[in-house]
Amino acid sequence: MSGLATGPSVAVLDYGSGNVRSAVRALERAGARVSLTADPDTVMNADGLVVPGVGAFGAVMHSLKNVGALRWIGRRIAGGRPVLGICVGHQVLFERGVEHGVETEGMGEWPGVVEALPAPVLPHMGWNSVRPAEDSVLFRGLEDERFYFVHSYAVQNWTFDQTIASMAPPKVTWSHHGADFVAAVENGPLSATQFHPEKSGDAGMRLLQNWLGSL
């Protein structure tokens, strides 16, 4: 454990997904006590869990299954314990992903298909603006900021069937590259961003602080 002793504990899920050190450092700077871990007890007991992800949708789902992480993530969400997905860690929360004609089942927490953006230039790499959801917690005070994206695939259609009248619908933030796409979702204990907060400078730092403040 490192970072501020009084901050919330955050487990960054270590399942072989590329370089996650930048996420660890950003969370530490934001005030969290961070563990990079694949230990089930640490993952389950931390105040917050961050699920990073880089590369292909199918490869990330395979790696998450291999370490048993899908079960841990599901149990945290069911128990109302906060989870934050980043980049492909955001994408795998949807129903499925389609890459190069290969379809892979996702976690199915939200409806939607992750598919290639219809843009002349891919990947979508660099800074872009977002349209935050009304009453967003993640984007509080960040409504006019830009965030750093690196991706070629995204969810471009959102349809959410409100089956429980008393349940607040998810808050969806949008961006645009070739088409409108889902840039972030806030849904009770479960939040996710298509962009990289840890690479988004001061705006990303404030977003992580907003998330930590909600734990």
C-alpha atoms as a PDB file:
ATOM      1  CA  MET A   1       0.000   0.000   0.000  1.00  0.00           C
ATOM      2  CA  SER A   2       1.138   3.498  -0.716  1.00  0.00           C
ATOM      3  CA  GLY A   3      -0.219   7.010  -1.078  1.00  0.00           C
ATOM      4  CA  LEU A   4      -2.008   9.011   1.615  1.00  0.00           C
ATOM      5  CA  ALA A   5      -2.709   6.958   4.725  1.00  0.00           C
ATOM      6  CA  THR A   6      -6.122   8.579   5.193  1.00  0.00           C
ATOM      7  CA  GLY A   7      -7.319   8.033   1.611  1.00  0.00           C
ATOM      8  CA  PRO A   8      -9.663   5.283   0.448  1.00  0.00           C
ATOM      9  CA  SER A   9      -8.185   1.922  -0.477  1.00  0.00           C
ATOM     10  CA  VAL A  10      -8.257   1.143  -4.197  1.00  0.00           C
ATOM     11  CA  ALA A  11      -7.362  -2.161  -5.853  1.00  0.00           C
ATOM     12  CA  VAL A  12      -6.148  -1.862  -9.453  1.00  0.00           C
ATOM     13  CA  LEU A  13      -6.856  -5.236 -11.019  1.00  0.00           C
ATOM     14  CA  ASP A  14      -3.634  -6.890 -12.193  1.00  0.00           C
ATOM     15  CA  TYR A  15      -4.554  -9.452 -14.854  1.00  0.00           C
ATOM     16  CA  GLY A  16      -1.837  -8.865 -17.442  1.00  0.00           C
ATOM     17  CA  SER A  17      -3.337  -5.871 -19.244  1.00  0.00           C
ATOM     18  CA  GLY A  18      -0.350  -3.907 -20.450  1.00  0.00           C
ATOM     19  CA  ASN A  19       1.120  -0.958 -18.569  1.00  0.00           C
ATOM     20  CA  VAL A  20      -1.126  -0.095 -15.619  1.00  0.00           C
ATOM     21  CA  ARG A  21       1.539   1.742 -13.611  1.00  0.00           C
ATOM     22  CA  SER A  22       0.287   5.108 -14.889  1.00  0.00           C
ATOM     23  CA  ALA A  23      -3.147   4.347 -13.446  1.00  0.00           C
ATOM     24  CA  VAL A  24      -1.599   3.354 -10.110  1.00  0.00           C
ATOM     25  CA  ARG A  25       0.452   6.548  -9.945  1.00  0.00           C
ATOM     26  CA  ALA A  26      -2.492   8.760 -10.922  1.00  0.00           C
ATOM     27  CA  LEU A  27      -4.713   7.227  -8.239  1.00  0.00           C
ATOM     28  CA  GLU A  28      -1.970   7.670  -5.656  1.00  0.00           C
ATOM     29  CA  ARG A  29      -1.616  11.326  -6.624  1.00  0.00           C
ATOM     30  CA  ALA A  30      -5.401  11.680  -6.357  1.00  0.00           C
ATOM     31  CA  GLY A  31      -5.161  10.534  -2.729  1.00  0.00           C
ATOM     32  CA  ALA A  32      -5.857   6.801  -2.744  1.00  0.00           C
ATOM     33  CA  ARG A  33      -4.004   3.968  -1.041  1.00  0.00           C
ATOM     34  CA  VAL A  34      -3.412   1.732  -4.067  1.00  0.00           C
ATOM     35  CA  SER A  35      -2.694  -1.971  -4.503  1.00  0.00           C
ATOM     36  CA  LEU A  36      -1.915  -3.482  -7.912  1.00  0.00           C
ATOM     37  CA  THR A  37      -3.298  -6.937  -7.260  1.00  0.00           C
ATOM     38  CA  ALA A  38      -5.037 -10.091  -8.415  1.00  0.00           C
ATOM     39  CA  ASP A  39      -5.633 -11.278  -4.845  1.00  0.00           C
ATOM     40  CA  PRO A  40      -9.359 -12.020  -4.430  1.00  0.00           C
ATOM     41  CA  ASP A  41      -9.567 -10.790  -0.833  1.00  0.00           C
ATOM     42  CA  THR A  42      -7.847  -7.495  -1.647  1.00  0.00           C
ATOM     43  CA  VAL A  43     -10.023  -7.014  -4.731  1.00  0.00           C
ATOM     44  CA  MET A  44     -13.216  -7.711  -2.780  1.00  0.00           C
ATOM     45  CA  ASN A  45     -12.385  -5.691   0.336  1.00  0.00           C
ATOM     46  CA  ALA A  46     -10.959  -2.506  -1.199  1.00  0.00           C
ATOM     47  CA  ASP A  47     -13.112   0.614  -1.040  1.00  0.00           C
ATOM     48  CA  GLY A  48     -12.869   0.848  -4.841  1.00  0.00           C
ATOM     49  CA  LEU A  49     -11.809  -1.442  -7.680  1.00  0.00           C
ATOM     50  CA  VAL A  50     -10.304  -0.129 -10.933  1.00  0.00           C
ATOM     51  CA  VAL A  51     -10.419  -2.397 -13.991  1.00  0.00           C
ATOM     52  CA  PRO A  52      -7.958  -1.116 -16.609  1.00  0.00           C
ATOM     53  CA  GLY A  53      -7.754  -2.504 -20.115  1.00  0.00           C
ATOM     54  CA  VAL A  54      -5.724  -2.024 -23.281  1.00  0.00           C
ATOM     55  CA  GLY A  55      -5.702  -3.962 -26.537  1.00  0.00           C
ATOM     56  CA  ALA A  56      -8.437  -6.154 -27.977  1.00  0.00           C
ATOM     57  CA  PHE A  57     -11.856  -6.744 -26.408  1.00  0.00           C
ATOM     58  CA  GLY A  58     -11.584 -10.516 -26.797  1.00  0.00           C
ATOM     59  CA  ALA A  59      -8.105 -10.694 -25.290  1.00  0.00           C
ATOM     60  CA  VAL A  60      -9.144  -8.647 -22.256  1.00  0.00           C
ATOM     61  CA  MET A  61     -12.234 -10.835 -21.647  1.00  0.00           C
ATOM     62  CA  HIS A  62     -10.054 -13.969 -21.947  1.00  0.00           C
ATOM     63  CA  SER A  63      -7.531 -12.605 -19.437  1.00  0.00           C
ATOM     64  CA  LEU A  64     -10.251 -11.533 -16.975  1.00  0.00           C
ATOM     65  CA  LYS A  65     -11.766 -15.034 -17.131  1.00  0.00           C
ATOM     66  CA  ASN A  66      -8.365 -16.666 -16.665  1.00  0.00           C
ATOM     67  CA  VAL A  67      -7.756 -14.998 -13.291  1.00  0.00           C
ATOM     68  CA  GLY A  68     -11.366 -15.391 -12.119  1.00  0.00           C
ATOM     69  CA  ALA A  69     -11.917 -11.634 -12.170  1.00  0.00           C
ATOM     70  CA  LEU A  70     -15.349 -11.689 -13.823  1.00  0.00           C
ATOM     71  CA  ARG A  71     -16.776 -13.285 -10.691  1.00  0.00           C
ATOM     72  CA  TRP A  72     -15.101 -10.737  -8.406  1.00  0.00           C
ATOM     73  CA  ILE A  73     -16.302  -7.789 -10.469  1.00  0.00           C
ATOM     74  CA  GLY A  74     -19.829  -9.179 -10.569  1.00  0.00           C
ATOM     75  CA  ARG A  75     -19.906  -9.764  -6.818  1.00  0.00           C
ATOM     76  CA  ARG A  76     -18.705  -6.228  -6.110  1.00  0.00           C
ATOM     77  CA  ILE A  77     -21.353  -4.719  -8.378  1.00  0.00           C
ATOM     78  CA  ALA A  78     -24.101  -6.903  -6.879  1.00  0.00           C
ATOM     79  CA  GLY A  79     -23.005  -5.842  -3.398  1.00  0.00           C
ATOM     80  CA  GLY A  80     -22.988  -2.135  -4.251  1.00  0.00           C
ATOM     81  CA  ARG A  81     -19.185  -1.909  -3.997  1.00  0.00           C
ATOM     82  CA  PRO A  82     -17.674   0.725  -6.360  1.00  0.00           C
ATOM     83  CA  VAL A  83     -15.982  -0.354  -9.600  1.00  0.00           C
ATOM     84  CA  LEU A  84     -14.380   1.901 -12.234  1.00  0.00           C
ATOM     85  CA  GLY A  85     -13.593   0.523 -15.704  1.00  0.00           C
ATOM     86  CA  ILE A  86     -11.105   2.316 -17.975  1.00  0.00           C
ATOM     87  CA  CYS A  87     -10.782   2.017 -21.790  1.00  0.00           C
ATOM     88  CA  VAL A  88     -11.248  -1.675 -22.681  1.00  0.00           C
ATOM     89  CA  GLY A  89     -12.155  -2.125 -19.001  1.00  0.00           C
ATOM     90  CA  HIS A  90     -15.105   0.126 -19.903  1.00  0.00           C
ATOM     91  CA  GLN A  91     -15.913  -1.739 -23.114  1.00  0.00           C
ATOM     92  CA  VAL A  92     -16.138  -5.237 -21.604  1.00  0.00           C
ATOM     93  CA  LEU A  93     -18.966  -4.085 -19.321  1.00  0.00           C
ATOM     94  CA  PHE A  94     -21.273  -4.002 -22.361  1.00  0.00           C
ATOM     95  CA  GLU A  95     -23.067  -6.934 -24.002  1.00  0.00           C
ATOM     96  CA  ARG A  96     -20.518  -7.770 -26.663  1.00  0.00           C
ATOM     97  CA  GLY A  97     -17.648  -6.568 -28.805  1.00  0.00           C
ATOM     98  CA  VAL A  98     -17.056  -7.039 -32.534  1.00  0.00           C
ATOM     99  CA  GLU A  99     -13.498  -6.715 -33.807  1.00  0.00           C
ATOM    100  CA  HIS A 100     -12.312  -7.822 -37.272  1.00  0.00           C
ATOM    101  CA  GLY A 101     -15.511  -9.835 -37.710  1.00  0.00           C
ATOM    102  CA  VAL A 102     -15.016 -11.707 -34.439  1.00  0.00           C
ATOM    103  CA  GLU A 103     -17.802 -11.332 -31.884  1.00  0.00           C
ATOM    104  CA  THR A 104     -17.003 -11.735 -28.176  1.00  0.00           C
ATOM    105  CA  GLU A 105     -19.502 -11.793 -25.330  1.00  0.00           C
ATOM    106  CA  GLY A 106     -18.940  -9.093 -22.716  1.00  0.00           C
ATOM    107  CA  MET A 107     -20.059  -8.867 -19.102  1.00  0.00           C
ATOM    108  CA  GLY A 108     -23.495  -7.586 -20.071  1.00  0.00           C
ATOM    109  CA  GLU A 109     -23.840  -5.006 -17.306  1.00  0.00           C
ATOM    110  CA  TRP A 110     -25.132  -2.534 -19.906  1.00  0.00           C
ATOM    111  CA  PRO A 111     -26.778  -2.956 -23.313  1.00  0.00           C
ATOM    112  CA  GLY A 112     -24.706  -2.117 -26.342  1.00  0.00           C
ATOM    113  CA  VAL A 113     -22.197  -3.405 -28.866  1.00  0.00           C
ATOM    114  CA  VAL A 114     -18.574  -2.249 -29.026  1.00  0.00           C
ATOM    115  CA  GLU A 115     -17.741  -1.849 -32.725  1.00  0.00           C
ATOM    116  CA  ALA A 116     -15.415   0.088 -35.005  1.00  0.00           C
ATOM    117  CA  LEU A 117     -15.920   3.824 -35.210  1.00  0.00           C
ATOM    118  CA  PRO A 118     -16.900   5.021 -38.720  1.00  0.00           C
ATOM    119  CA  ALA A 119     -14.067   7.544 -38.844  1.00  0.00           C
ATOM    120  CA  PRO A 120     -11.556   8.205 -41.641  1.00  0.00           C
ATOM    121  CA  VAL A 121      -8.688   8.174 -39.138  1.00  0.00           C
ATOM    122  CA  LEU A 122      -8.293   5.390 -36.572  1.00  0.00           C
ATOM    123  CA  PRO A 123      -7.357   4.983 -33.857  1.00  0.00           C
ATOM    124  CA  HIS A 124      -9.091   7.931 -32.262  1.00  0.00           C
ATOM    125  CA  MET A 125      -5.993   9.165 -30.461  1.00  0.00           C
ATOM    126  CA  GLY A 126      -5.629  12.407 -28.553  1.00  0.00           C
ATOM    127  CA  TRP A 127      -7.687  14.984 -26.703  1.00  0.00           C
ATOM    128  CA  ASN A 128     -11.418  15.345 -27.239  1.00  0.00           C
ATOM    129  CA  SER A 129     -14.319  17.091 -25.582  1.00  0.00           C
ATOM    130  CA  VAL A 130     -17.237  15.286 -23.964  1.00  0.00           C
ATOM    131  CA  ARG A 131     -20.916  16.014 -23.285  1.00  0.00           C
ATOM    132  CA  PRO A 132     -21.389  15.026 -19.639  1.00  0.00           C
ATOM    133  CA  ALA A 133     -24.629  13.594 -18.351  1.00  0.00           C
ATOM    134  CA  GLU A 134     -26.798  15.886 -16.264  1.00  0.00           C
ATOM    135  CA  ASP A 135     -25.962  15.655 -12.547  1.00  0.00           C
ATOM    136  CA  SER A 136     -22.790  13.678 -13.306  1.00  0.00           C
ATOM    137  CA  VAL A 137     -20.596  12.981 -10.287  1.00  0.00           C
ATOM    138  CA  LEU A 138     -17.498  12.051 -12.297  1.00  0.00           C
ATOM    139  CA  PHE A 139     -17.592  15.245 -14.375  1.00  0.00           C
ATOM    140  CA  ARG A 140     -18.571  17.667 -11.616  1.00  0.00           C
ATOM    141  CA  GLY A 141     -16.646  20.870 -12.349  1.00  0.00           C
ATOM    142  CA  LEU A 142     -15.241  19.335 -15.561  1.00  0.00           C
ATOM    143  CA  GLU A 143     -18.073  20.048 -17.988  1.00  0.00           C
ATOM    144  CA  ASP A 144     -15.869  22.002 -20.403  1.00  0.00           C
ATOM    145  CA  GLU A 145     -12.690  19.929 -20.124  1.00  0.00           C
ATOM    146  CA  ARG A 146     -11.079  17.619 -22.686  1.00  0.00           C
ATOM    147  CA  PHE A 147      -9.864  14.070 -22.059  1.00  0.00           C
ATOM    148  CA  TYR A 148      -7.317  11.749 -23.676  1.00  0.00           C
ATOM    149  CA  PHE A 149      -8.610   8.895 -25.855  1.00  0.00           C
ATOM    150  CA  VAL A 150      -6.806   5.985 -27.547  1.00  0.00           C
ATOM    151  CA  HIS A 151      -9.262   3.580 -29.214  1.00  0.00           C
ATOM    152  CA  SER A 152     -10.755   2.439 -32.505  1.00  0.00           C
ATOM    153  CA  TYR A 153     -13.905   0.797 -31.110  1.00  0.00           C
ATOM    154  CA  ALA A 154     -16.773   2.155 -29.029  1.00  0.00           C
ATOM    155  CA  VAL A 155     -20.460   1.817 -28.189  1.00  0.00           C
ATOM    156  CA  GLN A 156     -22.357   4.082 -30.579  1.00  0.00           C
ATOM    157  CA  ASN A 157     -25.958   3.178 -29.710  1.00  0.00           C
ATOM    158  CA  TRP A 158     -27.418   3.256 -26.202  1.00  0.00           C
ATOM    159  CA  THR A 159     -30.838   1.821 -25.394  1.00  0.00           C
ATOM    160  CA  PHE A 160     -31.590   1.146 -21.756  1.00  0.00           C
ATOM    161  CA  ASP A 161     -34.796  -0.630 -20.800  1.00  0.00           C
ATOM    162  CA  GLN A 162     -35.961   0.893 -17.515  1.00  0.00           C
ATOM    163  CA  THR A 163     -37.453  -2.174 -15.826  1.00  0.00           C
ATOM    164  CA  ILE A 164     -37.500  -0.869 -12.231  1.00  0.00           C
ATOM    165  CA  ALA A 165     -39.377   2.412 -11.891  1.00  0.00           C
ATOM    166  CA  SER A 166     -37.605   3.402  -8.668  1.00  0.00           C
ATOM    167  CA  MET A 167     -34.124   2.807 -10.105  1.00  0.00           C
ATOM    168  CA  ALA A 168     -32.303   5.831 -11.496  1.00  0.00           C
ATOM    169  CA  PRO A 169     -31.246   5.260 -15.113  1.00  0.00           C
ATOM    170  CA  PRO A 170     -27.508   5.259 -15.855  1.00  0.00           C
ATOM    171  CA  LYS A 171     -25.902   8.631 -16.567  1.00  0.00           C
ATOM    172  CA  VAL A 172     -24.309   8.520 -20.025  1.00  0.00           C
ATOM    173  CA  THR A 173     -21.608  10.925 -21.246  1.00  0.00           C
ATOM    174  CA  TRP A 174     -20.953  11.213 -24.993  1.00  0.00           C
ATOM    175  CA  SER A 175     -18.116  12.229 -27.291  1.00  0.00           C
ATOM    176  CA  HIS A 176     -17.697  12.274 -31.083  1.00  0.00           C
ATOM    177  CA  HIS A 177     -15.190  10.846 -33.565  1.00  0.00           C
ATOM    178  CA  GLY A 178     -16.743   9.857 -36.862  1.00  0.00           C
ATOM    179  CA  ALA A 179     -19.945   9.252 -34.886  1.00  0.00           C
ATOM    180  CA  ASP A 180     -21.287   9.913 -31.422  1.00  0.00           C
ATOM    181  CA  PHE A 181     -20.064   7.292 -28.957  1.00  0.00           C
ATOM    182  CA  VAL A 182     -20.380   6.542 -25.247  1.00  0.00           C
ATOM    183  CA  ALA A 183     -17.464   8.212 -23.448  1.00  0.00           C
ATOM    184  CA  ALA A 184     -18.505   7.333 -19.888  1.00  0.00           C
ATOM    185  CA  VAL A 185     -21.285   5.708 -17.884  1.00  0.00           C
ATOM    186  CA  GLU A 186     -22.249   6.163 -14.217  1.00  0.00           C
ATOM    187  CA  ASN A 187     -24.619   3.513 -12.886  1.00  0.00           C
ATOM    188  CA  GLY A 188     -24.794   3.295  -9.094  1.00  0.00           C
ATOM    189  CA  PRO A 189     -21.592   1.611  -7.870  1.00  0.00           C
ATOM    190  CA  LEU A 190     -20.428   0.961 -11.435  1.00  0.00           C
ATOM    191  CA  SER A 191     -18.675   3.676 -13.459  1.00  0.00           C
ATOM    192  CA  ALA A 192     -16.524   3.516 -16.575  1.00  0.00           C
ATOM    193  CA  THR A 193     -14.706   5.789 -19.015  1.00  0.00           C
ATOM    194  CA  GLN A 194     -13.685   5.114 -22.613  1.00  0.00           C
ATOM    195  CA  PHE A 195     -10.872   7.662 -22.250  1.00  0.00           C
ATOM    196  CA  HIS A 196      -7.837   7.403 -19.969  1.00  0.00           C
ATOM    197  CA  PRO A 197      -8.217   9.612 -16.860  1.00  0.00           C
ATOM    198  CA  GLU A 198      -4.630   8.773 -15.890  1.00  0.00           C
ATOM    199  CA  LYS A 199      -3.391  10.309 -19.170  1.00  0.00           C
ATOM    200  CA  SER A 200      -5.755  13.292 -19.103  1.00  0.00           C
ATOM    201  CA  GLY A 201      -3.681  15.724 -17.042  1.00  0.00           C
ATOM    202  CA  ASP A 202      -5.367  17.919 -14.439  1.00  0.00           C
ATOM    203  CA  ALA A 203      -8.851  17.125 -15.765  1.00  0.00           C
ATOM    204  CA  GLY A 204      -8.250  13.396 -15.374  1.00  0.00           C
ATOM    205  CA  MET A 205      -6.856  13.924 -11.890  1.00  0.00           C
ATOM    206  CA  ARG A 206      -9.964  15.833 -10.846  1.00  0.00           C
ATOM    207  CA  LEU A 207     -12.195  13.147 -12.316  1.00  0.00           C
ATOM    208  CA  LEU A 208     -10.374  10.474 -10.280  1.00  0.00           C
ATOM    209  CA  GLN A 209     -10.728  12.653  -7.196  1.00  0.00           C
ATOM    210  CA  ASN A 210     -14.454  12.967  -7.891  1.00  0.00           C
ATOM    211  CA  TRP A 211     -14.672   9.167  -8.073  1.00  0.00           C
ATOM    212  CA  LEU A 212     -12.620   8.686  -4.904  1.00  0.00           C
ATOM    213  CA  GLY A 213     -14.851  11.195  -3.134  1.00  0.00           C
ATOM    214  CA  SER A 214     -17.860   9.017  -3.937  1.00  0.00           C
ATOM    215  CA  LEU A 215     -16.447   5.841  -2.380  1.00  0.00           C
END
